[in-house]
Each structure stands twice: as structure tokens, then as C-alpha cells.
Amino acid sequence: MRVSDAMSPSVLYVGPDHTLQEAARLMADREVGAAIVLDGDTSGIGILTERDVLRAIGHGLDPATERVAAHVTNNLVTAAPHWPLDQAAETMVTGGFRHLVVTDSGDVIGVLSVRDIVRVWSDRKHFVRLG
């Protein structure tokens, strides 16, 4: 199984001038745990995760006024679509993060989350629904 088999090709983009509240609302609406941050003034991409938003709120910052630019991770580790899922999972564990931006020839083509990996590795027929 490869990264391209598990990644979500639907990517949420936000700008550095969005507030954390706006970004969190968009993430909640799309039911995703990360947004790709595009900044026309820099030559790269960044990522804002639910953990970044939580950390800011936990430190008493106001999400209605706090800007994404102050909380984005710019030094991304990216994955290639041809990587085996094992390699992606190992990269996430080693780096201590739960999302990998998937790029091909420098273009963002998807996001891979830990949930995506678990979903494809799980054999759902063995799960029993309780309740």
C-alpha cells in the first residue's frame, strides 16, 4: 500500500492572515485536522494543525484575533505519493506529528493523516460495533 492509496486528495487551504478562529471553523466544517497555509510572500508551504490551534488557546491567546502566520509550521517534512505507508508512518512517529503533506514535483496533491493510515490498515470486518 502506498501513500497515494491512503491520502486525502481534498486539501483545505488557508492564508497566513486568517485568524485561528477562521481556520478552526474551516477545519471543523471540512472535518479535517490540518490546513495547508499558502503565503504569497514566501516561497513555501506550511501547515496548521488542530494541535497548533489548541496550543495557542491553551496559552491564553485569543483565536478571534490571533493570525495563522504566528502558528504555522513552515519547515515541513513532506511525503511522496509513491512512498510505502510504512515509510510514512515511521516518518510521522520519528517526527512526532500526525499529518504529512503529500507533494509531487513540488505541488501539493494531498494530506496523509494517522487516521488515514489506520483506516486502510484496518480490516473493518473484525471490528464489532458496541452500543
N, C-alpha and C. Protein backbone atom coordinates (compact mmCIF):
# COMPACT_ATOMS: atom_id res chain seq x y z
N MET A 1 0.85 -1.17 0.00
CA MET A 1 0.00 0.00 0.00
C MET A 1 0.90 1.24 0.00
N ARG A 2 0.54 2.20 -0.80
CA ARG A 2 1.31 3.43 -0.97
C ARG A 2 0.58 4.63 -0.37
N VAL A 3 1.32 5.71 -0.16
CA VAL A 3 0.76 6.95 0.36
C VAL A 3 -0.42 7.41 -0.51
N SER A 4 -0.26 7.31 -1.82
CA SER A 4 -1.33 7.76 -2.73
C SER A 4 -2.62 6.97 -2.54
N ASP A 5 -2.54 5.75 -2.02
CA ASP A 5 -3.72 4.93 -1.79
C ASP A 5 -4.50 5.37 -0.55
N ALA A 6 -3.83 6.04 0.37
CA ALA A 6 -4.45 6.37 1.66
C ALA A 6 -4.70 7.86 1.87
N MET A 7 -3.96 8.69 1.17
CA MET A 7 -4.05 10.15 1.40
C MET A 7 -5.41 10.69 1.00
N SER A 8 -5.71 11.84 1.55
CA SER A 8 -6.90 12.57 1.12
C SER A 8 -6.47 13.58 0.07
N PRO A 9 -7.03 13.47 -1.14
CA PRO A 9 -6.66 14.44 -2.19
C PRO A 9 -7.38 15.78 -2.02
N SER A 10 -8.35 15.82 -1.12
CA SER A 10 -9.08 17.05 -0.85
C SER A 10 -8.33 17.81 0.22
N VAL A 11 -7.76 18.96 -0.14
CA VAL A 11 -6.89 19.71 0.75
C VAL A 11 -7.56 21.04 1.11
N LEU A 12 -7.53 21.38 2.38
CA LEU A 12 -8.02 22.68 2.83
C LEU A 12 -6.85 23.66 2.85
N TYR A 13 -7.04 24.79 2.19
CA TYR A 13 -6.03 25.84 2.16
C TYR A 13 -6.52 27.05 2.95
N VAL A 14 -5.62 27.65 3.73
CA VAL A 14 -5.89 28.91 4.41
C VAL A 14 -4.70 29.83 4.18
N GLY A 15 -4.92 31.11 4.41
CA GLY A 15 -3.85 32.08 4.26
C GLY A 15 -3.27 32.46 5.60
N PRO A 16 -2.10 33.05 5.61
CA PRO A 16 -1.43 33.43 6.85
C PRO A 16 -2.19 34.52 7.62
N ASP A 17 -3.03 35.28 6.92
CA ASP A 17 -3.77 36.35 7.57
C ASP A 17 -5.13 35.91 8.12
N HIS A 18 -5.50 34.67 7.87
CA HIS A 18 -6.72 34.15 8.52
C HIS A 18 -6.50 34.16 10.03
N THR A 19 -7.57 34.33 10.78
CA THR A 19 -7.44 34.17 12.23
C THR A 19 -7.48 32.68 12.55
N LEU A 20 -7.01 32.33 13.73
CA LEU A 20 -7.10 30.94 14.16
C LEU A 20 -8.55 30.49 14.24
N GLN A 21 -9.44 31.39 14.63
CA GLN A 21 -10.85 31.05 14.71
C GLN A 21 -11.40 30.72 13.32
N GLU A 22 -11.04 31.52 12.32
CA GLU A 22 -11.50 31.24 10.95
C GLU A 22 -10.95 29.90 10.47
N ALA A 23 -9.68 29.67 10.71
CA ALA A 23 -9.07 28.41 10.28
C ALA A 23 -9.71 27.23 10.99
N ALA A 24 -9.95 27.35 12.29
CA ALA A 24 -10.57 26.27 13.05
C ALA A 24 -11.98 25.98 12.55
N ARG A 25 -12.72 27.04 12.21
CA ARG A 25 -14.08 26.86 11.70
C ARG A 25 -14.04 26.11 10.37
N LEU A 26 -13.12 26.50 9.49
CA LEU A 26 -12.99 25.82 8.20
C LEU A 26 -12.58 24.36 8.38
N MET A 27 -11.66 24.11 9.30
CA MET A 27 -11.23 22.74 9.57
C MET A 27 -12.39 21.92 10.12
N ALA A 28 -13.17 22.50 11.01
CA ALA A 28 -14.32 21.79 11.58
C ALA A 28 -15.37 21.52 10.51
N ASP A 29 -15.62 22.51 9.66
CA ASP A 29 -16.61 22.34 8.59
C ASP A 29 -16.22 21.22 7.63
N ARG A 30 -14.93 21.11 7.34
CA ARG A 30 -14.44 20.10 6.41
C ARG A 30 -14.08 18.79 7.11
N GLU A 31 -14.14 18.80 8.45
CA GLU A 31 -13.81 17.62 9.26
C GLU A 31 -12.39 17.12 8.97
N VAL A 32 -11.45 18.08 9.00
CA VAL A 32 -10.04 17.76 8.82
C VAL A 32 -9.24 18.31 9.99
N GLY A 33 -8.10 17.72 10.25
CA GLY A 33 -7.28 18.13 11.37
C GLY A 33 -6.12 19.02 11.00
N ALA A 34 -6.05 19.41 9.70
CA ALA A 34 -4.94 20.24 9.26
C ALA A 34 -5.35 21.06 8.05
N ALA A 35 -4.70 22.21 7.92
CA ALA A 35 -4.90 23.07 6.75
C ALA A 35 -3.53 23.45 6.20
N ILE A 36 -3.44 23.48 4.90
CA ILE A 36 -2.21 23.92 4.24
C ILE A 36 -2.24 25.44 4.19
N VAL A 37 -1.13 26.05 4.56
CA VAL A 37 -1.03 27.51 4.59
C VAL A 37 -0.18 27.96 3.41
N LEU A 38 -0.81 28.76 2.56
CA LEU A 38 -0.11 29.33 1.42
C LEU A 38 0.15 30.80 1.68
N ASP A 39 1.38 31.20 1.51
CA ASP A 39 1.77 32.59 1.74
C ASP A 39 2.45 33.09 0.48
N GLY A 40 1.82 34.03 -0.19
CA GLY A 40 2.37 34.58 -1.42
C GLY A 40 3.68 35.31 -1.23
N ASP A 41 4.00 35.69 0.01
CA ASP A 41 5.24 36.41 0.29
C ASP A 41 6.42 35.49 0.54
N THR A 42 6.16 34.22 0.72
CA THR A 42 7.26 33.26 0.94
C THR A 42 7.23 32.22 -0.17
N SER A 43 8.27 31.48 -0.28
CA SER A 43 8.36 30.50 -1.36
C SER A 43 8.13 29.09 -0.85
N GLY A 44 7.20 28.94 0.03
CA GLY A 44 6.96 27.60 0.53
C GLY A 44 5.55 27.43 1.03
N ILE A 45 5.31 26.24 1.51
CA ILE A 45 4.01 25.94 2.08
C ILE A 45 4.20 25.64 3.56
N GLY A 46 3.15 25.80 4.30
CA GLY A 46 3.17 25.48 5.71
C GLY A 46 1.95 24.67 6.06
N ILE A 47 1.86 24.29 7.32
CA ILE A 47 0.72 23.52 7.78
C ILE A 47 0.29 24.06 9.14
N LEU A 48 -1.00 24.14 9.33
CA LEU A 48 -1.60 24.49 10.61
C LEU A 48 -2.44 23.30 11.02
N THR A 49 -2.20 22.80 12.22
CA THR A 49 -2.94 21.63 12.68
C THR A 49 -3.82 21.98 13.87
N GLU A 50 -4.71 21.05 14.17
CA GLU A 50 -5.58 21.23 15.33
C GLU A 50 -4.75 21.39 16.59
N ARG A 51 -3.62 20.75 16.65
CA ARG A 51 -2.72 20.86 17.80
C ARG A 51 -2.19 22.29 17.95
N ASP A 52 -1.88 22.94 16.81
CA ASP A 52 -1.40 24.32 16.84
C ASP A 52 -2.47 25.25 17.40
N VAL A 53 -3.71 25.05 16.98
CA VAL A 53 -4.82 25.87 17.47
C VAL A 53 -5.02 25.64 18.96
N LEU A 54 -5.02 24.38 19.36
CA LEU A 54 -5.20 24.03 20.77
C LEU A 54 -4.10 24.63 21.64
N ARG A 55 -2.88 24.56 21.16
CA ARG A 55 -1.74 25.10 21.91
C ARG A 55 -1.90 26.62 22.11
N ALA A 56 -2.32 27.32 21.07
CA ALA A 56 -2.50 28.77 21.17
C ALA A 56 -3.58 29.12 22.18
N ILE A 57 -4.70 28.43 22.11
CA ILE A 57 -5.80 28.69 23.05
C ILE A 57 -5.37 28.34 24.47
N GLY A 58 -4.64 27.25 24.61
CA GLY A 58 -4.15 26.83 25.92
C GLY A 58 -3.20 27.83 26.55
N HIS A 59 -2.52 28.61 25.72
CA HIS A 59 -1.62 29.66 26.22
C HIS A 59 -2.34 31.00 26.40
N GLY A 60 -3.66 30.97 26.28
CA GLY A 60 -4.44 32.18 26.55
C GLY A 60 -4.55 33.15 25.40
N LEU A 61 -4.14 32.76 24.21
CA LEU A 61 -4.24 33.65 23.06
C LEU A 61 -5.67 33.66 22.54
N ASP A 62 -6.07 34.79 22.00
CA ASP A 62 -7.44 34.96 21.50
C ASP A 62 -7.52 34.47 20.06
N PRO A 63 -8.24 33.37 19.81
CA PRO A 63 -8.30 32.84 18.45
C PRO A 63 -9.02 33.77 17.48
N ALA A 64 -9.80 34.70 17.99
CA ALA A 64 -10.52 35.65 17.12
C ALA A 64 -9.59 36.72 16.54
N THR A 65 -8.45 36.92 17.18
CA THR A 65 -7.51 37.95 16.69
C THR A 65 -6.15 37.38 16.31
N GLU A 66 -5.83 36.23 16.82
CA GLU A 66 -4.51 35.62 16.56
C GLU A 66 -4.46 35.12 15.11
N ARG A 67 -3.38 35.44 14.42
CA ARG A 67 -3.24 35.08 13.00
C ARG A 67 -2.54 33.74 12.80
N VAL A 68 -2.94 33.06 11.76
CA VAL A 68 -2.36 31.76 11.39
C VAL A 68 -0.85 31.88 11.24
N ALA A 69 -0.38 32.97 10.66
CA ALA A 69 1.06 33.14 10.38
C ALA A 69 1.92 32.93 11.62
N ALA A 70 1.40 33.25 12.79
CA ALA A 70 2.18 33.12 14.02
C ALA A 70 2.24 31.68 14.53
N HIS A 71 1.49 30.78 13.92
CA HIS A 71 1.39 29.42 14.44
C HIS A 71 1.64 28.34 13.40
N VAL A 72 1.95 28.72 12.20
CA VAL A 72 2.16 27.78 11.11
C VAL A 72 3.52 27.10 11.24
N THR A 73 3.58 25.86 10.84
CA THR A 73 4.85 25.13 10.73
C THR A 73 5.30 25.23 9.29
N ASN A 74 6.45 25.86 9.08
CA ASN A 74 6.95 26.06 7.72
C ASN A 74 8.01 25.05 7.30
N ASN A 75 8.72 24.49 8.24
CA ASN A 75 9.78 23.53 7.89
C ASN A 75 9.16 22.13 7.79
N LEU A 76 8.39 21.94 6.73
CA LEU A 76 7.62 20.71 6.57
C LEU A 76 8.47 19.53 6.16
N VAL A 77 8.07 18.39 6.66
CA VAL A 77 8.52 17.12 6.12
C VAL A 77 7.37 16.68 5.22
N THR A 78 7.67 16.44 3.96
CA THR A 78 6.64 16.03 3.03
C THR A 78 6.84 14.58 2.63
N ALA A 79 5.79 14.00 2.08
CA ALA A 79 5.84 12.62 1.61
C ALA A 79 5.62 12.62 0.10
N ALA A 80 6.15 11.63 -0.55
CA ALA A 80 5.90 11.42 -1.98
C ALA A 80 4.78 10.40 -2.12
N PRO A 81 3.98 10.51 -3.16
CA PRO A 81 2.85 9.60 -3.32
C PRO A 81 3.26 8.14 -3.47
N HIS A 82 4.47 7.89 -3.94
CA HIS A 82 4.92 6.50 -4.14
C HIS A 82 5.50 5.85 -2.88
N TRP A 83 5.66 6.62 -1.80
CA TRP A 83 6.19 6.04 -0.57
C TRP A 83 5.30 4.90 -0.09
N PRO A 84 5.89 3.85 0.47
CA PRO A 84 5.08 2.84 1.17
C PRO A 84 4.50 3.46 2.44
N LEU A 85 3.32 3.02 2.84
CA LEU A 85 2.70 3.56 4.05
C LEU A 85 3.58 3.34 5.28
N ASP A 86 4.33 2.25 5.30
CA ASP A 86 5.24 2.01 6.42
C ASP A 86 6.23 3.16 6.58
N GLN A 87 6.76 3.64 5.47
CA GLN A 87 7.72 4.74 5.50
C GLN A 87 7.06 6.01 6.01
N ALA A 88 5.83 6.27 5.57
CA ALA A 88 5.11 7.46 6.03
C ALA A 88 4.83 7.37 7.52
N ALA A 89 4.39 6.20 7.98
CA ALA A 89 4.10 6.01 9.41
C ALA A 89 5.36 6.20 10.24
N GLU A 90 6.46 5.63 9.78
CA GLU A 90 7.73 5.78 10.50
C GLU A 90 8.17 7.24 10.55
N THR A 91 7.98 7.96 9.46
CA THR A 91 8.32 9.38 9.41
C THR A 91 7.49 10.17 10.42
N MET A 92 6.20 9.85 10.51
CA MET A 92 5.33 10.54 11.47
C MET A 92 5.74 10.25 12.90
N VAL A 93 6.02 9.00 13.20
CA VAL A 93 6.41 8.63 14.57
C VAL A 93 7.73 9.29 14.93
N THR A 94 8.70 9.22 14.04
CA THR A 94 10.01 9.81 14.30
C THR A 94 9.91 11.33 14.48
N GLY A 95 9.09 11.98 13.65
CA GLY A 95 8.96 13.43 13.71
C GLY A 95 7.99 13.92 14.77
N GLY A 96 7.16 13.02 15.31
CA GLY A 96 6.21 13.42 16.34
C GLY A 96 5.04 14.22 15.81
N PHE A 97 4.61 13.95 14.58
CA PHE A 97 3.46 14.65 14.02
C PHE A 97 2.48 13.67 13.42
N ARG A 98 1.26 14.17 13.17
CA ARG A 98 0.17 13.29 12.73
C ARG A 98 -0.31 13.55 11.32
N HIS A 99 0.32 14.48 10.64
CA HIS A 99 -0.07 14.80 9.25
C HIS A 99 1.18 14.95 8.40
N LEU A 100 1.10 14.43 7.18
CA LEU A 100 2.15 14.63 6.20
C LEU A 100 1.52 15.26 4.96
N VAL A 101 2.13 16.32 4.49
CA VAL A 101 1.71 16.91 3.23
C VAL A 101 2.34 16.07 2.12
N VAL A 102 1.52 15.68 1.16
CA VAL A 102 1.99 14.85 0.05
C VAL A 102 2.22 15.76 -1.16
N THR A 103 3.43 15.70 -1.68
CA THR A 103 3.78 16.54 -2.83
C THR A 103 4.30 15.69 -3.98
N ASP A 104 4.10 16.21 -5.16
CA ASP A 104 4.61 15.58 -6.38
C ASP A 104 5.16 16.69 -7.25
N SER A 105 6.44 16.65 -7.53
CA SER A 105 7.13 17.70 -8.30
C SER A 105 6.91 19.08 -7.69
N GLY A 106 6.87 19.14 -6.35
CA GLY A 106 6.74 20.40 -5.64
C GLY A 106 5.31 20.89 -5.45
N ASP A 107 4.34 20.20 -6.05
CA ASP A 107 2.94 20.58 -5.92
C ASP A 107 2.26 19.75 -4.84
N VAL A 108 1.42 20.40 -4.03
CA VAL A 108 0.64 19.68 -3.02
C VAL A 108 -0.45 18.89 -3.74
N ILE A 109 -0.49 17.58 -3.47
CA ILE A 109 -1.52 16.74 -4.09
C ILE A 109 -2.41 16.06 -3.05
N GLY A 110 -2.09 16.23 -1.76
CA GLY A 110 -2.91 15.62 -0.74
C GLY A 110 -2.30 15.77 0.64
N VAL A 111 -3.04 15.25 1.61
CA VAL A 111 -2.57 15.21 3.00
C VAL A 111 -2.83 13.80 3.50
N LEU A 112 -1.85 13.26 4.19
CA LEU A 112 -1.96 11.93 4.80
C LEU A 112 -1.96 12.10 6.31
N SER A 113 -2.97 11.56 6.96
CA SER A 113 -3.04 11.63 8.42
C SER A 113 -2.87 10.24 9.02
N VAL A 114 -2.59 10.22 10.30
CA VAL A 114 -2.52 8.94 11.01
C VAL A 114 -3.84 8.19 10.85
N ARG A 115 -4.93 8.93 10.92
CA ARG A 115 -6.25 8.30 10.75
C ARG A 115 -6.37 7.62 9.39
N ASP A 116 -5.84 8.25 8.35
CA ASP A 116 -5.87 7.64 7.02
C ASP A 116 -5.12 6.30 7.01
N ILE A 117 -3.97 6.29 7.66
CA ILE A 117 -3.18 5.06 7.70
C ILE A 117 -3.92 3.97 8.47
N VAL A 118 -4.45 4.32 9.62
CA VAL A 118 -5.19 3.34 10.41
C VAL A 118 -6.39 2.82 9.63
N ARG A 119 -7.07 3.71 8.94
CA ARG A 119 -8.25 3.31 8.15
C ARG A 119 -7.90 2.25 7.12
N VAL A 120 -6.83 2.44 6.37
CA VAL A 120 -6.51 1.48 5.32
C VAL A 120 -5.86 0.21 5.87
N TRP A 121 -5.21 0.32 7.02
CA TRP A 121 -4.60 -0.88 7.60
C TRP A 121 -5.61 -1.72 8.38
N SER A 122 -6.74 -1.15 8.71
CA SER A 122 -7.74 -1.87 9.50
C SER A 122 -8.58 -2.76 8.60
N ASP A 123 -8.82 -3.93 9.09
CA ASP A 123 -9.73 -4.83 8.40
C ASP A 123 -11.06 -4.70 9.13
N ARG A 124 -11.94 -3.87 8.61
CA ARG A 124 -13.17 -3.50 9.31
C ARG A 124 -14.06 -4.69 9.66
N LYS A 125 -13.96 -5.77 8.96
CA LYS A 125 -14.85 -6.89 9.26
C LYS A 125 -14.56 -7.52 10.63
N HIS A 126 -13.40 -7.20 11.21
CA HIS A 126 -13.06 -7.74 12.52
C HIS A 126 -13.52 -6.87 13.67
N PHE A 127 -14.05 -5.70 13.36
CA PHE A 127 -14.50 -4.78 14.39
C PHE A 127 -15.95 -5.07 14.73
N VAL A 128 -16.26 -5.01 16.00
CA VAL A 128 -17.62 -5.21 16.46
C VAL A 128 -18.12 -3.86 16.97
N ARG A 129 -19.24 -3.43 16.47
CA ARG A 129 -19.80 -2.16 16.91
C ARG A 129 -20.53 -2.38 18.23
N LEU A 130 -20.15 -1.57 19.24
CA LEU A 130 -20.79 -1.66 20.54
C LEU A 130 -21.85 -0.59 20.65
N GLY A 131 -22.92 -0.91 21.40
CA GLY A 131 -23.92 0.12 21.67
C GLY A 131 -25.18 -0.02 20.93
